[in-house]
Amino acid sequence: MNFLTVLLRSIAFIPTIVQGVESVFGGKAGADKKEAALNFVTSAISITEAVTNKDIVNADQFRGGLGQIIDGTVQCLNASAWAKTK
């Protein structure tokens, strides 16, 4: 499967991953929750395999980009009715 397709499918699951991490690690610091979410996402898209296959040429930069997506997702969720239901 094309790496872009895998990446876009994975991004679609980030809100669910963020909610799951919040449920499991709700009392932890934001940085810990972000790291957990990053680990789930990178596992889901097999980042190690993508680096090996040269689909990702800079793993740190790629992971940083995923972190920004997670931060944006958290910001959107916190500004929505989702945050009010807690």
C-alpha atoms as a PDB file:
ATOM      1  CA  MET A   1       0.000   0.000   0.000  1.00  0.00           C
ATOM      2  CA  ASN A   2       1.172   3.508  -0.787  1.00  0.00           C
ATOM      3  CA  PHE A   3       2.754   5.208   2.246  1.00  0.00           C
ATOM      4  CA  LEU A   4       0.679   8.360   1.775  1.00  0.00           C
ATOM      5  CA  THR A   5      -2.492   6.280   2.011  1.00  0.00           C
ATOM      6  CA  VAL A   6      -1.263   4.660   5.231  1.00  0.00           C
ATOM      7  CA  LEU A   7      -0.309   8.051   6.673  1.00  0.00           C
ATOM      8  CA  LEU A   8      -3.674   9.632   5.866  1.00  0.00           C
ATOM      9  CA  ARG A   9      -5.563   6.673   7.327  1.00  0.00           C
ATOM     10  CA  SER A  10      -3.453   6.915  10.482  1.00  0.00           C
ATOM     11  CA  ILE A  11      -4.095  10.648  10.816  1.00  0.00           C
ATOM     12  CA  ALA A  12      -7.808   9.905  10.687  1.00  0.00           C
ATOM     13  CA  PHE A  13      -7.428   7.842  13.876  1.00  0.00           C
ATOM     14  CA  ILE A  14      -5.540  10.497  15.856  1.00  0.00           C
ATOM     15  CA  PRO A  15      -8.671  11.914  17.585  1.00  0.00           C
ATOM     16  CA  THR A  16      -9.591   8.404  18.738  1.00  0.00           C
ATOM     17  CA  ILE A  17      -6.038   7.760  19.924  1.00  0.00           C
ATOM     18  CA  VAL A  18      -5.996  11.089  21.793  1.00  0.00           C
ATOM     19  CA  GLN A  19      -9.299  10.259  23.507  1.00  0.00           C
ATOM     20  CA  GLY A  20      -8.033   6.801  24.445  1.00  0.00           C
ATOM     21  CA  VAL A  21      -4.803   8.157  25.858  1.00  0.00           C
ATOM     22  CA  GLU A  22      -6.765  10.757  27.830  1.00  0.00           C
ATOM     23  CA  SER A  23      -8.960   8.005  29.267  1.00  0.00           C
ATOM     24  CA  VAL A  24      -6.005   5.849  30.287  1.00  0.00           C
ATOM     25  CA  PHE A  25      -3.493   8.533  31.290  1.00  0.00           C
ATOM     26  CA  GLY A  26      -5.845  11.374  32.274  1.00  0.00           C
ATOM     27  CA  GLY A  27      -3.966  12.228  35.471  1.00  0.00           C
ATOM     28  CA  LYS A  28      -0.532  12.359  33.838  1.00  0.00           C
ATOM     29  CA  ALA A  29       1.225  15.413  32.459  1.00  0.00           C
ATOM     30  CA  GLY A  30       0.402  16.599  28.949  1.00  0.00           C
ATOM     31  CA  ALA A  31       3.895  15.710  27.696  1.00  0.00           C
ATOM     32  CA  ASP A  32       3.473  12.127  28.922  1.00  0.00           C
ATOM     33  CA  LYS A  33       0.113  11.822  27.197  1.00  0.00           C
ATOM     34  CA  LYS A  34       1.532  13.288  23.989  1.00  0.00           C
ATOM     35  CA  GLU A  35       4.411  10.799  24.076  1.00  0.00           C
ATOM     36  CA  ALA A  36       1.958   7.926  24.553  1.00  0.00           C
ATOM     37  CA  ALA A  37      -0.149   9.145  21.618  1.00  0.00           C
ATOM     38  CA  LEU A  38       2.980   9.512  19.457  1.00  0.00           C
ATOM     39  CA  ASN A  39       4.004   5.956  20.320  1.00  0.00           C
ATOM     40  CA  PHE A  40       0.587   4.611  19.332  1.00  0.00           C
ATOM     41  CA  VAL A  41       0.567   6.524  16.038  1.00  0.00           C
ATOM     42  CA  THR A  42       4.129   5.617  15.082  1.00  0.00           C
ATOM     43  CA  SER A  43       3.358   1.978  15.794  1.00  0.00           C
ATOM     44  CA  ALA A  44       0.185   2.163  13.734  1.00  0.00           C
ATOM     45  CA  ILE A  45       1.990   3.467  10.665  1.00  0.00           C
ATOM     46  CA  SER A  46       5.056   1.267  11.200  1.00  0.00           C
ATOM     47  CA  ILE A  47       7.444   4.205  11.197  1.00  0.00           C
ATOM     48  CA  THR A  48      10.470   1.913  11.614  1.00  0.00           C
ATOM     49  CA  GLU A  49       9.548   0.032   8.461  1.00  0.00           C
ATOM     50  CA  ALA A  50       8.885   3.299   6.622  1.00  0.00           C
ATOM     51  CA  VAL A  51      12.356   4.562   7.542  1.00  0.00           C
ATOM     52  CA  THR A  52      13.910   1.286   6.388  1.00  0.00           C
ATOM     53  CA  ASN A  53      12.019   1.471   3.093  1.00  0.00           C
ATOM     54  CA  LYS A  54      13.107   5.119   2.682  1.00  0.00           C
ATOM     55  CA  ASP A  55       9.475   6.308   2.732  1.00  0.00           C
ATOM     56  CA  ILE A  56      10.583   8.501   5.648  1.00  0.00           C
ATOM     57  CA  VAL A  57      14.034  10.041   5.273  1.00  0.00           C
ATOM     58  CA  ASN A  58      14.065  12.060   8.529  1.00  0.00           C
ATOM     59  CA  ALA A  59      12.365  10.185  11.363  1.00  0.00           C
ATOM     60  CA  ASP A  60      12.807  12.990  13.919  1.00  0.00           C
ATOM     61  CA  GLN A  61      11.241  15.582  11.648  1.00  0.00           C
ATOM     62  CA  PHE A  62       8.406  13.185  10.784  1.00  0.00           C
ATOM     63  CA  ARG A  63       7.757  12.468  14.468  1.00  0.00           C
ATOM     64  CA  GLY A  64       7.789  16.232  15.140  1.00  0.00           C
ATOM     65  CA  GLY A  65       5.136  16.703  12.480  1.00  0.00           C
ATOM     66  CA  LEU A  66       2.998  13.994  14.049  1.00  0.00           C
ATOM     67  CA  GLY A  67       3.418  15.772  17.387  1.00  0.00           C
ATOM     68  CA  GLN A  68       2.067  18.968  15.846  1.00  0.00           C
ATOM     69  CA  ILE A  69      -0.941  17.070  14.482  1.00  0.00           C
ATOM     70  CA  ILE A  70      -1.578  15.622  17.949  1.00  0.00           C
ATOM     71  CA  ASP A  71      -1.247  19.081  19.549  1.00  0.00           C
ATOM     72  CA  GLY A  72      -3.725  20.502  17.046  1.00  0.00           C
ATOM     73  CA  THR A  73      -6.137  17.651  17.644  1.00  0.00           C
ATOM     74  CA  VAL A  74      -5.982  18.212  21.405  1.00  0.00           C
ATOM     75  CA  GLN A  75      -6.550  21.937  20.899  1.00  0.00           C
ATOM     76  CA  CYS A  76      -9.613  21.261  18.712  1.00  0.00           C
ATOM     77  CA  LEU A  77     -11.026  18.697  21.136  1.00  0.00           C
ATOM     78  CA  ASN A  78     -10.477  20.992  24.132  1.00  0.00           C
ATOM     79  CA  ALA A  79     -12.343  23.775  22.311  1.00  0.00           C
ATOM     80  CA  SER A  80     -15.279  21.520  21.486  1.00  0.00           C
ATOM     81  CA  ALA A  81     -18.228  19.994  23.272  1.00  0.00           C
ATOM     82  CA  TRP A  82     -16.032  16.907  23.856  1.00  0.00           C
ATOM     83  CA  ALA A  83     -14.172  18.775  26.598  1.00  0.00           C
ATOM     84  CA  LYS A  84     -17.425  19.864  28.221  1.00  0.00           C
ATOM     85  CA  THR A  85     -18.612  16.266  28.723  1.00  0.00           C
ATOM     86  CA  LYS A  86     -15.844  15.416  31.194  1.00  0.00           C
END
